[in-house]
Amino acid sequence: MKNFRTYEQANLFYKECKELRFVGPAQDQFKRALLSICLNLAEGSAKPTGKDRRRFYYIALGSLREVQTILDLHEYKTQFKKADRLGAMIYRLCQNPGAGPGSRVPGCQFPDCPKE
């Protein structure tokens, strides 16, 4: 997973958020969705075609949105903002799944443009 910045950011986000506590079923859903982000990015990066990668990257994005919803409901504003940044990175992967880890995302105009 070397040079896969989106995965690296997802991994850091996972480590930061895994100890957060919620009441009731939100706790289990949060942990599953949080882990799903990293797992789907990793699995998607191993797929041979852009179509296959896109499918897994969109699943990762959906899991991130679940995590964001729980963070929003429980007013974890700092983590919510970090999730939003990660969401932008995953969305760019969804738009260009053919790039694969290690290549530059075409047209990216951010100063810290990910290499995907």
PDB file of N, CA and C in Angstrom:
ATOM      1  N   MET A   1       0.824  -1.196   0.000  1.00  0.00           N
ATOM      2  CA  MET A   1       0.000   0.000   0.000  1.00  0.00           C
ATOM      3  C   MET A   1       0.867   1.258   0.000  1.00  0.00           C
ATOM      4  N   LYS A   2       2.118   1.079  -0.291  1.00  0.00           N
ATOM      5  CA  LYS A   2       3.031   2.206  -0.356  1.00  0.00           C
ATOM      6  C   LYS A   2       2.603   3.157  -1.471  1.00  0.00           C
ATOM      7  N   ASN A   3       2.672   4.447  -1.205  1.00  0.00           N
ATOM      8  CA  ASN A   3       2.308   5.506  -2.154  1.00  0.00           C
ATOM      9  C   ASN A   3       0.809   5.578  -2.438  1.00  0.00           C
ATOM     10  N   PHE A   4      -0.006   5.024  -1.597  1.00  0.00           N
ATOM     11  CA  PHE A   4      -1.459   5.118  -1.749  1.00  0.00           C
ATOM     12  C   PHE A   4      -1.951   6.067  -0.651  1.00  0.00           C
ATOM     13  N   ARG A   5      -1.890   7.348  -0.955  1.00  0.00           N
ATOM     14  CA  ARG A   5      -2.151   8.374   0.070  1.00  0.00           C
ATOM     15  C   ARG A   5      -3.551   8.326   0.643  1.00  0.00           C
ATOM     16  N   THR A   6      -4.525   8.010  -0.172  1.00  0.00           N
ATOM     17  CA  THR A   6      -5.892   7.949   0.347  1.00  0.00           C
ATOM     18  C   THR A   6      -6.001   6.841   1.388  1.00  0.00           C
ATOM     19  N   TYR A   7      -5.410   5.708   1.108  1.00  0.00           N
ATOM     20  CA  TYR A   7      -5.416   4.625   2.096  1.00  0.00           C
ATOM     21  C   TYR A   7      -4.667   5.046   3.358  1.00  0.00           C
ATOM     22  N   GLU A   8      -3.526   5.694   3.200  1.00  0.00           N
ATOM     23  CA  GLU A   8      -2.749   6.152   4.359  1.00  0.00           C
ATOM     24  C   GLU A   8      -3.564   7.108   5.221  1.00  0.00           C
ATOM     25  N   GLN A   9      -4.301   8.028   4.573  1.00  0.00           N
ATOM     26  CA  GLN A   9      -5.149   8.959   5.322  1.00  0.00           C
ATOM     27  C   GLN A   9      -6.303   8.222   5.998  1.00  0.00           C
ATOM     28  N   ALA A  10      -6.871   7.242   5.315  1.00  0.00           N
ATOM     29  CA  ALA A  10      -7.954   6.448   5.908  1.00  0.00           C
ATOM     30  C   ALA A  10      -7.446   5.678   7.122  1.00  0.00           C
ATOM     31  N   ASN A  11      -6.232   5.164   7.028  1.00  0.00           N
ATOM     32  CA  ASN A  11      -5.625   4.430   8.126  1.00  0.00           C
ATOM     33  C   ASN A  11      -5.419   5.352   9.335  1.00  0.00           C
ATOM     34  N   LEU A  12      -4.904   6.545   9.103  1.00  0.00           N
ATOM     35  CA  LEU A  12      -4.726   7.522  10.193  1.00  0.00           C
ATOM     36  C   LEU A  12      -6.075   7.903  10.805  1.00  0.00           C
ATOM     37  N   PHE A  13      -7.068   8.100   9.949  1.00  0.00           N
ATOM     38  CA  PHE A  13      -8.409   8.447  10.420  1.00  0.00           C
ATOM     39  C   PHE A  13      -8.979   7.316  11.278  1.00  0.00           C
ATOM     40  N   TYR A  14      -8.782   6.083  10.826  1.00  0.00           N
ATOM     41  CA  TYR A  14      -9.240   4.924  11.595  1.00  0.00           C
ATOM     42  C   TYR A  14      -8.604   4.914  12.986  1.00  0.00           C
ATOM     43  N   LYS A  15      -7.302   5.086  13.036  1.00  0.00           N
ATOM     44  CA  LYS A  15      -6.591   5.056  14.319  1.00  0.00           C
ATOM     45  C   LYS A  15      -7.043   6.173  15.253  1.00  0.00           C
ATOM     46  N   GLU A  16      -7.359   7.324  14.683  1.00  0.00           N
ATOM     47  CA  GLU A  16      -7.817   8.450  15.494  1.00  0.00           C
ATOM     48  C   GLU A  16      -9.228   8.233  16.044  1.00  0.00           C
ATOM     49  N   CYS A  17     -10.072   7.595  15.256  1.00  0.00           N
ATOM     50  CA  CYS A  17     -11.486   7.495  15.615  1.00  0.00           C
ATOM     51  C   CYS A  17     -11.895   6.196  16.304  1.00  0.00           C
ATOM     52  N   LYS A  18     -11.059   5.175  16.254  1.00  0.00           N
ATOM     53  CA  LYS A  18     -11.501   3.860  16.740  1.00  0.00           C
ATOM     54  C   LYS A  18     -11.826   3.838  18.230  1.00  0.00           C
ATOM     55  N   GLU A  19     -11.309   4.779  19.002  1.00  0.00           N
ATOM     56  CA  GLU A  19     -11.575   4.800  20.437  1.00  0.00           C
ATOM     57  C   GLU A  19     -12.772   5.672  20.822  1.00  0.00           C
ATOM     58  N   LEU A  20     -13.399   6.331  19.844  1.00  0.00           N
ATOM     59  CA  LEU A  20     -14.575   7.150  20.155  1.00  0.00           C
ATOM     60  C   LEU A  20     -15.699   6.248  20.649  1.00  0.00           C
ATOM     61  N   ARG A  21     -16.488   6.747  21.569  1.00  0.00           N
ATOM     62  CA  ARG A  21     -17.570   5.951  22.164  1.00  0.00           C
ATOM     63  C   ARG A  21     -18.928   6.582  21.863  1.00  0.00           C
ATOM     64  N   PHE A  22     -19.891   5.708  21.561  1.00  0.00           N
ATOM     65  CA  PHE A  22     -21.254   6.116  21.275  1.00  0.00           C
ATOM     66  C   PHE A  22     -22.210   5.227  22.055  1.00  0.00           C
ATOM     67  N   VAL A  23     -23.436   5.686  22.191  1.00  0.00           N
ATOM     68  CA  VAL A  23     -24.443   4.946  22.941  1.00  0.00           C
ATOM     69  C   VAL A  23     -25.233   4.047  21.993  1.00  0.00           C
ATOM     70  N   GLY A  24     -25.534   2.860  22.460  1.00  0.00           N
ATOM     71  CA  GLY A  24     -26.414   1.952  21.735  1.00  0.00           C
ATOM     72  C   GLY A  24     -25.818   1.393  20.458  1.00  0.00           C
ATOM     73  N   PRO A  25     -26.689   1.152  19.473  1.00  0.00           N
ATOM     74  CA  PRO A  25     -26.246   0.491  18.238  1.00  0.00           C
ATOM     75  C   PRO A  25     -25.309   1.350  17.391  1.00  0.00           C
ATOM     76  N   ALA A  26     -25.236   2.639  17.655  1.00  0.00           N
ATOM     77  CA  ALA A  26     -24.339   3.505  16.893  1.00  0.00           C
ATOM     78  C   ALA A  26     -22.885   3.069  17.054  1.00  0.00           C
ATOM     79  N   GLN A  27     -22.538   2.533  18.218  1.00  0.00           N
ATOM     80  CA  GLN A  27     -21.154   2.107  18.464  1.00  0.00           C
ATOM     81  C   GLN A  27     -20.736   1.002  17.497  1.00  0.00           C
ATOM     82  N   ASP A  28     -21.544  -0.028  17.380  1.00  0.00           N
ATOM     83  CA  ASP A  28     -21.213  -1.143  16.501  1.00  0.00           C
ATOM     84  C   ASP A  28     -21.195  -0.707  15.039  1.00  0.00           C
ATOM     85  N   GLN A  29     -22.198   0.064  14.642  1.00  0.00           N
ATOM     86  CA  GLN A  29     -22.272   0.532  13.248  1.00  0.00           C
ATOM     87  C   GLN A  29     -21.075   1.418  12.919  1.00  0.00           C
ATOM     88  N   PHE A  30     -20.689   2.284  13.846  1.00  0.00           N
ATOM     89  CA  PHE A  30     -19.548   3.173  13.641  1.00  0.00           C
ATOM     90  C   PHE A  30     -18.267   2.371  13.413  1.00  0.00           C
ATOM     91  N   LYS A  31     -18.023   1.396  14.272  1.00  0.00           N
ATOM     92  CA  LYS A  31     -16.788   0.609  14.154  1.00  0.00           C
ATOM     93  C   LYS A  31     -16.744  -0.188  12.853  1.00  0.00           C
ATOM     94  N   ARG A  32     -17.873  -0.773  12.465  1.00  0.00           N
ATOM     95  CA  ARG A  32     -17.905  -1.547  11.220  1.00  0.00           C
ATOM     96  C   ARG A  32     -17.687  -0.647  10.004  1.00  0.00           C
ATOM     97  N   ALA A  33     -18.366   0.496   9.985  1.00  0.00           N
ATOM     98  CA  ALA A  33     -18.226   1.418   8.850  1.00  0.00           C
ATOM     99  C   ALA A  33     -16.816   2.008   8.800  1.00  0.00           C
ATOM    100  N   LEU A  34     -16.257   2.327   9.953  1.00  0.00           N
ATOM    101  CA  LEU A  34     -14.913   2.887  10.019  1.00  0.00           C
ATOM    102  C   LEU A  34     -13.888   1.905   9.447  1.00  0.00           C
ATOM    103  N   LEU A  35     -13.986   0.659   9.826  1.00  0.00           N
ATOM    104  CA  LEU A  35     -13.078  -0.363   9.310  1.00  0.00           C
ATOM    105  C   LEU A  35     -13.306  -0.610   7.822  1.00  0.00           C
ATOM    106  N   SER A  36     -14.554  -0.556   7.402  1.00  0.00           N
ATOM    107  CA  SER A  36     -14.908  -0.800   6.007  1.00  0.00           C
ATOM    108  C   SER A  36     -14.241   0.188   5.053  1.00  0.00           C
ATOM    109  N   ILE A  37     -13.993   1.409   5.502  1.00  0.00           N
ATOM    110  CA  ILE A  37     -13.341   2.405   4.652  1.00  0.00           C
ATOM    111  C   ILE A  37     -11.973   1.878   4.215  1.00  0.00           C
ATOM    112  N   CYS A  38     -11.152   1.505   5.180  1.00  0.00           N
ATOM    113  CA  CYS A  38      -9.802   1.006   4.873  1.00  0.00           C
ATOM    114  C   CYS A  38      -9.841  -0.289   4.076  1.00  0.00           C
ATOM    115  N   LEU A  39     -10.701  -1.197   4.483  1.00  0.00           N
ATOM    116  CA  LEU A  39     -10.750  -2.503   3.815  1.00  0.00           C
ATOM    117  C   LEU A  39     -11.160  -2.386   2.350  1.00  0.00           C
ATOM    118  N   ASN A  40     -12.132  -1.543   2.062  1.00  0.00           N
ATOM    119  CA  ASN A  40     -12.582  -1.403   0.680  1.00  0.00           C
ATOM    120  C   ASN A  40     -11.584  -0.638  -0.183  1.00  0.00           C
ATOM    121  N   LEU A  41     -10.873   0.321   0.393  1.00  0.00           N
ATOM    122  CA  LEU A  41      -9.807   0.986  -0.361  1.00  0.00           C
ATOM    123  C   LEU A  41      -8.713  -0.018  -0.716  1.00  0.00           C
ATOM    124  N   ALA A  42      -8.345  -0.842   0.261  1.00  0.00           N
ATOM    125  CA  ALA A  42      -7.298  -1.835   0.024  1.00  0.00           C
ATOM    126  C   ALA A  42      -7.737  -2.857  -1.018  1.00  0.00           C
ATOM    127  N   GLU A  43      -8.946  -3.380  -0.869  1.00  0.00           N
ATOM    128  CA  GLU A  43      -9.418  -4.386  -1.820  1.00  0.00           C
ATOM    129  C   GLU A  43      -9.573  -3.790  -3.210  1.00  0.00           C
ATOM    130  N   GLY A  44     -10.113  -2.593  -3.289  1.00  0.00           N
ATOM    131  CA  GLY A  44     -10.284  -1.945  -4.584  1.00  0.00           C
ATOM    132  C   GLY A  44      -8.975  -1.719  -5.308  1.00  0.00           C
ATOM    133  N   SER A  45      -7.941  -1.362  -4.554  1.00  0.00           N
ATOM    134  CA  SER A  45      -6.650  -1.083  -5.185  1.00  0.00           C
ATOM    135  C   SER A  45      -6.035  -2.329  -5.818  1.00  0.00           C
ATOM    136  N   ALA A  46      -6.487  -3.500  -5.420  1.00  0.00           N
ATOM    137  CA  ALA A  46      -5.949  -4.758  -5.959  1.00  0.00           C
ATOM    138  C   ALA A  46      -6.731  -5.267  -7.162  1.00  0.00           C
ATOM    139  N   LYS A  47      -7.801  -4.603  -7.512  1.00  0.00           N
ATOM    140  CA  LYS A  47      -8.626  -5.071  -8.630  1.00  0.00           C
ATOM    141  C   LYS A  47      -7.988  -4.710  -9.967  1.00  0.00           C
ATOM    142  N   PRO A  48      -8.176  -5.564 -10.964  1.00  0.00           N
ATOM    143  CA  PRO A  48      -7.475  -5.377 -12.242  1.00  0.00           C
ATOM    144  C   PRO A  48      -8.052  -4.303 -13.166  1.00  0.00           C
ATOM    145  N   THR A  49      -9.325  -3.954 -13.002  1.00  0.00           N
ATOM    146  CA  THR A  49      -9.924  -2.984 -13.926  1.00  0.00           C
ATOM    147  C   THR A  49     -10.431  -1.758 -13.167  1.00  0.00           C
ATOM    148  N   GLY A  50     -10.522  -0.654 -13.882  1.00  0.00           N
ATOM    149  CA  GLY A  50     -11.059   0.572 -13.304  1.00  0.00           C
ATOM    150  C   GLY A  50     -12.485   0.403 -12.816  1.00  0.00           C
ATOM    151  N   LYS A  51     -13.280  -0.353 -13.551  1.00  0.00           N
ATOM    152  CA  LYS A  51     -14.670  -0.597 -13.160  1.00  0.00           C
ATOM    153  C   LYS A  51     -14.732  -1.315 -11.808  1.00  0.00           C
ATOM    154  N   ASP A  52     -13.890  -2.325 -11.631  1.00  0.00           N
ATOM    155  CA  ASP A  52     -13.851  -3.051 -10.352  1.00  0.00           C
ATOM    156  C   ASP A  52     -13.354  -2.149  -9.222  1.00  0.00           C
ATOM    157  N   ARG A  53     -12.312  -1.358  -9.487  1.00  0.00           N
ATOM    158  CA  ARG A  53     -11.787  -0.446  -8.456  1.00  0.00           C
ATOM    159  C   ARG A  53     -12.846   0.568  -8.054  1.00  0.00           C
ATOM    160  N   ARG A  54     -13.535   1.134  -9.044  1.00  0.00           N
ATOM    161  CA  ARG A  54     -14.566   2.149  -8.766  1.00  0.00           C
ATOM    162  C   ARG A  54     -15.621   1.587  -7.806  1.00  0.00           C
ATOM    163  N   ARG A  55     -16.038   0.357  -8.038  1.00  0.00           N
ATOM    164  CA  ARG A  55     -17.067  -0.262  -7.183  1.00  0.00           C
ATOM    165  C   ARG A  55     -16.633  -0.259  -5.719  1.00  0.00           C
ATOM    166  N   PHE A  56     -15.412  -0.679  -5.442  1.00  0.00           N
ATOM    167  CA  PHE A  56     -14.923  -0.728  -4.063  1.00  0.00           C
ATOM    168  C   PHE A  56     -14.680   0.665  -3.488  1.00  0.00           C
ATOM    169  N   TYR A  57     -14.223   1.596  -4.335  1.00  0.00           N
ATOM    170  CA  TYR A  57     -14.000   2.962  -3.849  1.00  0.00           C
ATOM    171  C   TYR A  57     -15.329   3.623  -3.485  1.00  0.00           C
ATOM    172  N   TYR A  58     -16.377   3.334  -4.247  1.00  0.00           N
ATOM    173  CA  TYR A  58     -17.695   3.882  -3.896  1.00  0.00           C
ATOM    174  C   TYR A  58     -18.229   3.256  -2.605  1.00  0.00           C
ATOM    175  N   ILE A  59     -17.953   1.995  -2.378  1.00  0.00           N
ATOM    176  CA  ILE A  59     -18.359   1.366  -1.115  1.00  0.00           C
ATOM    177  C   ILE A  59     -17.623   2.045   0.043  1.00  0.00           C
ATOM    178  N   ALA A  60     -16.331   2.317  -0.140  1.00  0.00           N
ATOM    179  CA  ALA A  60     -15.556   3.019   0.892  1.00  0.00           C
ATOM    180  C   ALA A  60     -16.151   4.402   1.147  1.00  0.00           C
ATOM    181  N   LEU A  61     -16.553   5.095   0.096  1.00  0.00           N
ATOM    182  CA  LEU A  61     -17.159   6.418   0.245  1.00  0.00           C
ATOM    183  C   LEU A  61     -18.480   6.323   1.002  1.00  0.00           C
ATOM    184  N   GLY A  62     -19.281   5.308   0.698  1.00  0.00           N
ATOM    185  CA  GLY A  62     -20.543   5.116   1.417  1.00  0.00           C
ATOM    186  C   GLY A  62     -20.308   4.842   2.895  1.00  0.00           C
ATOM    187  N   SER A  63     -19.302   4.039   3.197  1.00  0.00           N
ATOM    188  CA  SER A  63     -18.965   3.768   4.602  1.00  0.00           C
ATOM    189  C   SER A  63     -18.500   5.030   5.301  1.00  0.00           C
ATOM    190  N   LEU A  64     -17.738   5.847   4.593  1.00  0.00           N
ATOM    191  CA  LEU A  64     -17.301   7.117   5.180  1.00  0.00           C
ATOM    192  C   LEU A  64     -18.495   8.001   5.495  1.00  0.00           C
ATOM    193  N   ARG A  65     -19.475   8.027   4.613  1.00  0.00           N
ATOM    194  CA  ARG A  65     -20.672   8.848   4.864  1.00  0.00           C
ATOM    195  C   ARG A  65     -21.442   8.333   6.087  1.00  0.00           C
ATOM    196  N   GLU A  66     -21.462   7.032   6.299  1.00  0.00           N
ATOM    197  CA  GLU A  66     -22.077   6.485   7.514  1.00  0.00           C
ATOM    198  C   GLU A  66     -21.331   7.000   8.748  1.00  0.00           C
ATOM    199  N   VAL A  67     -20.007   6.927   8.693  1.00  0.00           N
ATOM    200  CA  VAL A  67     -19.177   7.406   9.804  1.00  0.00           C
ATOM    201  C   VAL A  67     -19.446   8.888  10.043  1.00  0.00           C
ATOM    202  N   GLN A  68     -19.490   9.675   8.976  1.00  0.00           N
ATOM    203  CA  GLN A  68     -19.737  11.106   9.118  1.00  0.00           C
ATOM    204  C   GLN A  68     -21.098  11.383   9.744  1.00  0.00           C
ATOM    205  N   THR A  69     -22.087  10.621   9.374  1.00  0.00           N
ATOM    206  CA  THR A  69     -23.424  10.828   9.934  1.00  0.00           C
ATOM    207  C   THR A  69     -23.412  10.607  11.440  1.00  0.00           C
ATOM    208  N   ILE A  70     -22.763   9.551  11.874  1.00  0.00           N
ATOM    209  CA  ILE A  70     -22.690   9.269  13.319  1.00  0.00           C
ATOM    210  C   ILE A  70     -21.875  10.349  14.022  1.00  0.00           C
ATOM    211  N   LEU A  71     -20.778  10.788  13.422  1.00  0.00           N
ATOM    212  CA  LEU A  71     -19.982  11.870  14.010  1.00  0.00           C
ATOM    213  C   LEU A  71     -20.813  13.142  14.123  1.00  0.00           C
ATOM    214  N   ASP A  72     -21.586  13.439  13.094  1.00  0.00           N
ATOM    215  CA  ASP A  72     -22.431  14.631  13.092  1.00  0.00           C
ATOM    216  C   ASP A  72     -23.513  14.543  14.163  1.00  0.00           C
ATOM    217  N   LEU A  73     -24.164  13.396  14.254  1.00  0.00           N
ATOM    218  CA  LEU A  73     -25.221  13.223  15.255  1.00  0.00           C
ATOM    219  C   LEU A  73     -24.710  13.372  16.687  1.00  0.00           C
ATOM    220  N   HIS A  74     -23.447  13.005  16.894  1.00  0.00           N
ATOM    221  CA  HIS A  74     -22.862  13.070  18.235  1.00  0.00           C
ATOM    222  C   HIS A  74     -21.938  14.272  18.418  1.00  0.00           C
ATOM    223  N   GLU A  75     -21.954  15.168  17.429  1.00  0.00           N
ATOM    224  CA  GLU A  75     -21.253  16.450  17.491  1.00  0.00           C
ATOM    225  C   GLU A  75     -19.745  16.348  17.687  1.00  0.00           C
ATOM    226  N   TYR A  76     -19.129  15.410  16.973  1.00  0.00           N
ATOM    227  CA  TYR A  76     -17.667  15.318  16.919  1.00  0.00           C
ATOM    228  C   TYR A  76     -17.210  16.138  15.708  1.00  0.00           C
ATOM    229  N   LYS A  77     -17.127  17.444  15.888  1.00  0.00           N
ATOM    230  CA  LYS A  77     -16.880  18.356  14.779  1.00  0.00           C
ATOM    231  C   LYS A  77     -15.480  18.221  14.162  1.00  0.00           C
ATOM    232  N   THR A  78     -14.469  18.036  14.992  1.00  0.00           N
ATOM    233  CA  THR A  78     -13.100  17.918  14.477  1.00  0.00           C
ATOM    234  C   THR A  78     -12.958  16.689  13.595  1.00  0.00           C
ATOM    235  N   GLN A  79     -13.448  15.559  14.074  1.00  0.00           N
ATOM    236  CA  GLN A  79     -13.363  14.329  13.294  1.00  0.00           C
ATOM    237  C   GLN A  79     -14.232  14.405  12.038  1.00  0.00           C
ATOM    238  N   PHE A  80     -15.363  15.109  12.147  1.00  0.00           N
ATOM    239  CA  PHE A  80     -16.241  15.271  10.990  1.00  0.00           C
ATOM    240  C   PHE A  80     -15.509  16.008   9.869  1.00  0.00           C
ATOM    241  N   LYS A  81     -14.780  17.058  10.223  1.00  0.00           N
ATOM    242  CA  LYS A  81     -14.034  17.822   9.216  1.00  0.00           C
ATOM    243  C   LYS A  81     -12.932  16.975   8.579  1.00  0.00           C
ATOM    244  N   LYS A  82     -12.268  16.155   9.378  1.00  0.00           N
ATOM    245  CA  LYS A  82     -11.238  15.270   8.825  1.00  0.00           C
ATOM    246  C   LYS A  82     -11.867  14.242   7.889  1.00  0.00           C
ATOM    247  N   ALA A  83     -13.045  13.768   8.251  1.00  0.00           N
ATOM    248  CA  ALA A  83     -13.751  12.814   7.399  1.00  0.00           C
ATOM    249  C   ALA A  83     -14.134  13.470   6.076  1.00  0.00           C
ATOM    250  N   ASP A  84     -14.475  14.739   6.116  1.00  0.00           N
ATOM    251  CA  ASP A  84     -14.840  15.455   4.901  1.00  0.00           C
ATOM    252  C   ASP A  84     -13.652  15.538   3.940  1.00  0.00           C
ATOM    253  N   ARG A  85     -12.484  15.785   4.474  1.00  0.00           N
ATOM    254  CA  ARG A  85     -11.269  15.843   3.646  1.00  0.00           C
ATOM    255  C   ARG A  85     -10.975  14.462   3.043  1.00  0.00           C
ATOM    256  N   LEU A  86     -11.092  13.421   3.860  1.00  0.00           N
ATOM    257  CA  LEU A  86     -10.894  12.063   3.369  1.00  0.00           C
ATOM    258  C   LEU A  86     -11.938  11.733   2.297  1.00  0.00           C
ATOM    259  N   GLY A  87     -13.155  12.184   2.503  1.00  0.00           N
ATOM    260  CA  GLY A  87     -14.211  11.961   1.520  1.00  0.00           C
ATOM    261  C   GLY A  87     -13.874  12.556   0.161  1.00  0.00           C
ATOM    262  N   ALA A  88     -13.261  13.738   0.166  1.00  0.00           N
ATOM    263  CA  ALA A  88     -12.859  14.362  -1.098  1.00  0.00           C
ATOM    264  C   ALA A  88     -11.803  13.517  -1.806  1.00  0.00           C
ATOM    265  N   MET A  89     -10.896  12.953  -1.035  1.00  0.00           N
ATOM    266  CA  MET A  89      -9.856  12.103  -1.624  1.00  0.00           C
ATOM    267  C   MET A  89     -10.462  10.833  -2.221  1.00  0.00           C
ATOM    268  N   ILE A  90     -11.386  10.221  -1.480  1.00  0.00           N
ATOM    269  CA  ILE A  90     -12.022   8.993  -1.978  1.00  0.00           C
ATOM    270  C   ILE A  90     -12.885   9.305  -3.205  1.00  0.00           C
ATOM    271  N   TYR A  91     -13.573  10.429  -3.170  1.00  0.00           N
ATOM    272  CA  TYR A  91     -14.400  10.815  -4.316  1.00  0.00           C
ATOM    273  C   TYR A  91     -13.553  10.966  -5.577  1.00  0.00           C
ATOM    274  N   ARG A  92     -12.378  11.560  -5.441  1.00  0.00           N
ATOM    275  CA  ARG A  92     -11.487  11.697  -6.596  1.00  0.00           C
ATOM    276  C   ARG A  92     -11.074  10.323  -7.131  1.00  0.00           C
ATOM    277  N   LEU A  93     -10.882   9.368  -6.228  1.00  0.00           N
ATOM    278  CA  LEU A  93     -10.580   8.001  -6.678  1.00  0.00           C
ATOM    279  C   LEU A  93     -11.759   7.426  -7.463  1.00  0.00           C
ATOM    280  N   CYS A  94     -12.961   7.671  -6.978  1.00  0.00           N
ATOM    281  CA  CYS A  94     -14.156   7.163  -7.655  1.00  0.00           C
ATOM    282  C   CYS A  94     -14.264   7.752  -9.062  1.00  0.00           C
ATOM    283  N   GLN A  95     -13.877   9.001  -9.212  1.00  0.00           N
ATOM    284  CA  GLN A  95     -13.952   9.659 -10.510  1.00  0.00           C
ATOM    285  C   GLN A  95     -12.863   9.180 -11.468  1.00  0.00           C
ATOM    286  N   ASN A  96     -11.745   8.720 -10.907  1.00  0.00           N
ATOM    287  CA  ASN A  96     -10.628   8.264 -11.741  1.00  0.00           C
ATOM    288  C   ASN A  96     -10.058   6.963 -11.178  1.00  0.00           C
ATOM    289  N   PRO A  97     -10.815   5.878 -11.226  1.00  0.00           N
ATOM    290  CA  PRO A  97     -10.354   4.622 -10.628  1.00  0.00           C
ATOM    291  C   PRO A  97      -9.256   3.935 -11.422  1.00  0.00           C
ATOM    292  N   GLY A  98      -9.049   4.357 -12.658  1.00  0.00           N
ATOM    293  CA  GLY A  98      -8.046   3.715 -13.485  1.00  0.00           C
ATOM    294  C   GLY A  98      -6.628   4.083 -13.128  1.00  0.00           C
ATOM    295  N   ALA A  99      -6.449   5.111 -12.308  1.00  0.00           N
ATOM    296  CA  ALA A  99      -5.100   5.578 -11.994  1.00  0.00           C
ATOM    297  C   ALA A  99      -4.330   4.551 -11.182  1.00  0.00           C
ATOM    298  N   GLY A 100      -4.948   3.986 -10.164  1.00  0.00           N
ATOM    299  CA  GLY A 100      -4.259   3.016  -9.317  1.00  0.00           C
ATOM    300  C   GLY A 100      -3.224   3.677  -8.426  1.00  0.00           C
ATOM    301  N   PRO A 101      -2.818   3.036  -7.347  1.00  0.00           N
ATOM    302  CA  PRO A 101      -1.848   3.598  -6.427  1.00  0.00           C
ATOM    303  C   PRO A 101      -0.524   3.920  -7.121  1.00  0.00           C
ATOM    304  N   GLY A 102       0.053   5.070  -6.769  1.00  0.00           N
ATOM    305  CA  GLY A 102       1.368   5.443  -7.256  1.00  0.00           C
ATOM    306  C   GLY A 102       1.373   6.429  -8.414  1.00  0.00           C
ATOM    307  N   SER A 103       0.221   6.678  -9.049  1.00  0.00           N
ATOM    308  CA  SER A 103       0.196   7.640 -10.140  1.00  0.00           C
ATOM    309  C   SER A 103      -0.560   8.894  -9.699  1.00  0.00           C
ATOM    310  N   ARG A 104      -0.305   9.986 -10.357  1.00  0.00           N
ATOM    311  CA  ARG A 104      -0.902  11.274 -10.008  1.00  0.00           C
ATOM    312  C   ARG A 104      -2.325  11.358 -10.555  1.00  0.00           C
ATOM    313  N   VAL A 105      -3.231  11.924  -9.766  1.00  0.00           N
ATOM    314  CA  VAL A 105      -4.608  12.109 -10.208  1.00  0.00           C
ATOM    315  C   VAL A 105      -4.628  13.250 -11.220  1.00  0.00           C
ATOM    316  N   PRO A 106      -5.058  13.002 -12.464  1.00  0.00           N
ATOM    317  CA  PRO A 106      -5.061  14.050 -13.477  1.00  0.00           C
ATOM    318  C   PRO A 106      -6.009  15.182 -13.119  1.00  0.00           C
ATOM    319  N   GLY A 107      -5.575  16.396 -13.354  1.00  0.00           N
ATOM    320  CA  GLY A 107      -6.424  17.556 -13.141  1.00  0.00           C
ATOM    321  C   GLY A 107      -6.567  17.998 -11.703  1.00  0.00           C
ATOM    322  N   CYS A 108      -5.921  17.342 -10.781  1.00  0.00           N
ATOM    323  CA  CYS A 108      -6.025  17.731  -9.383  1.00  0.00           C
ATOM    324  C   CYS A 108      -5.336  19.077  -9.189  1.00  0.00           C
ATOM    325  N   GLN A 109      -6.028  20.026  -8.581  1.00  0.00           N
ATOM    326  CA  GLN A 109      -5.472  21.358  -8.411  1.00  0.00           C
ATOM    327  C   GLN A 109      -5.202  21.695  -6.958  1.00  0.00           C
ATOM    328  N   PHE A 110      -5.265  20.732  -6.080  1.00  0.00           N
ATOM    329  CA  PHE A 110      -4.991  20.964  -4.660  1.00  0.00           C
ATOM    330  C   PHE A 110      -3.486  20.951  -4.435  1.00  0.00           C
ATOM    331  N   PRO A 111      -2.983  21.789  -3.507  1.00  0.00           N
ATOM    332  CA  PRO A 111      -1.546  21.811  -3.260  1.00  0.00           C
ATOM    333  C   PRO A 111      -1.016  20.466  -2.761  1.00  0.00           C
ATOM    334  N   ASP A 112      -1.824  19.721  -2.058  1.00  0.00           N
ATOM    335  CA  ASP A 112      -1.395  18.413  -1.547  1.00  0.00           C
ATOM    336  C   ASP A 112      -2.063  17.298  -2.341  1.00  0.00           C
ATOM    337  N   CYS A 113      -2.142  17.496  -3.642  1.00  0.00           N
ATOM    338  CA  CYS A 113      -2.806  16.559  -4.539  1.00  0.00           C
ATOM    339  C   CYS A 113      -2.315  15.130  -4.296  1.00  0.00           C
ATOM    340  N   PRO A 114      -3.239  14.207  -4.043  1.00  0.00           N
ATOM    341  CA  PRO A 114      -2.827  12.832  -3.767  1.00  0.00           C
ATOM    342  C   PRO A 114      -2.267  12.129  -4.981  1.00  0.00           C
ATOM    343  N   LYS A 115      -1.367  11.244  -4.718  1.00  0.00           N
ATOM    344  CA  LYS A 115      -0.880  10.344  -5.764  1.00  0.00           C
ATOM    345  C   LYS A 115      -1.697   9.086  -5.634  1.00  0.00           C
ATOM    346  N   GLU A 116      -2.569   8.828  -6.559  1.00  0.00           N
ATOM    347  CA  GLU A 116      -3.436   7.645  -6.513  1.00  0.00           C
ATOM    348  C   GLU A 116      -3.165   6.808  -7.719  1.00  0.00           C
TER     349      GLU A 116
END
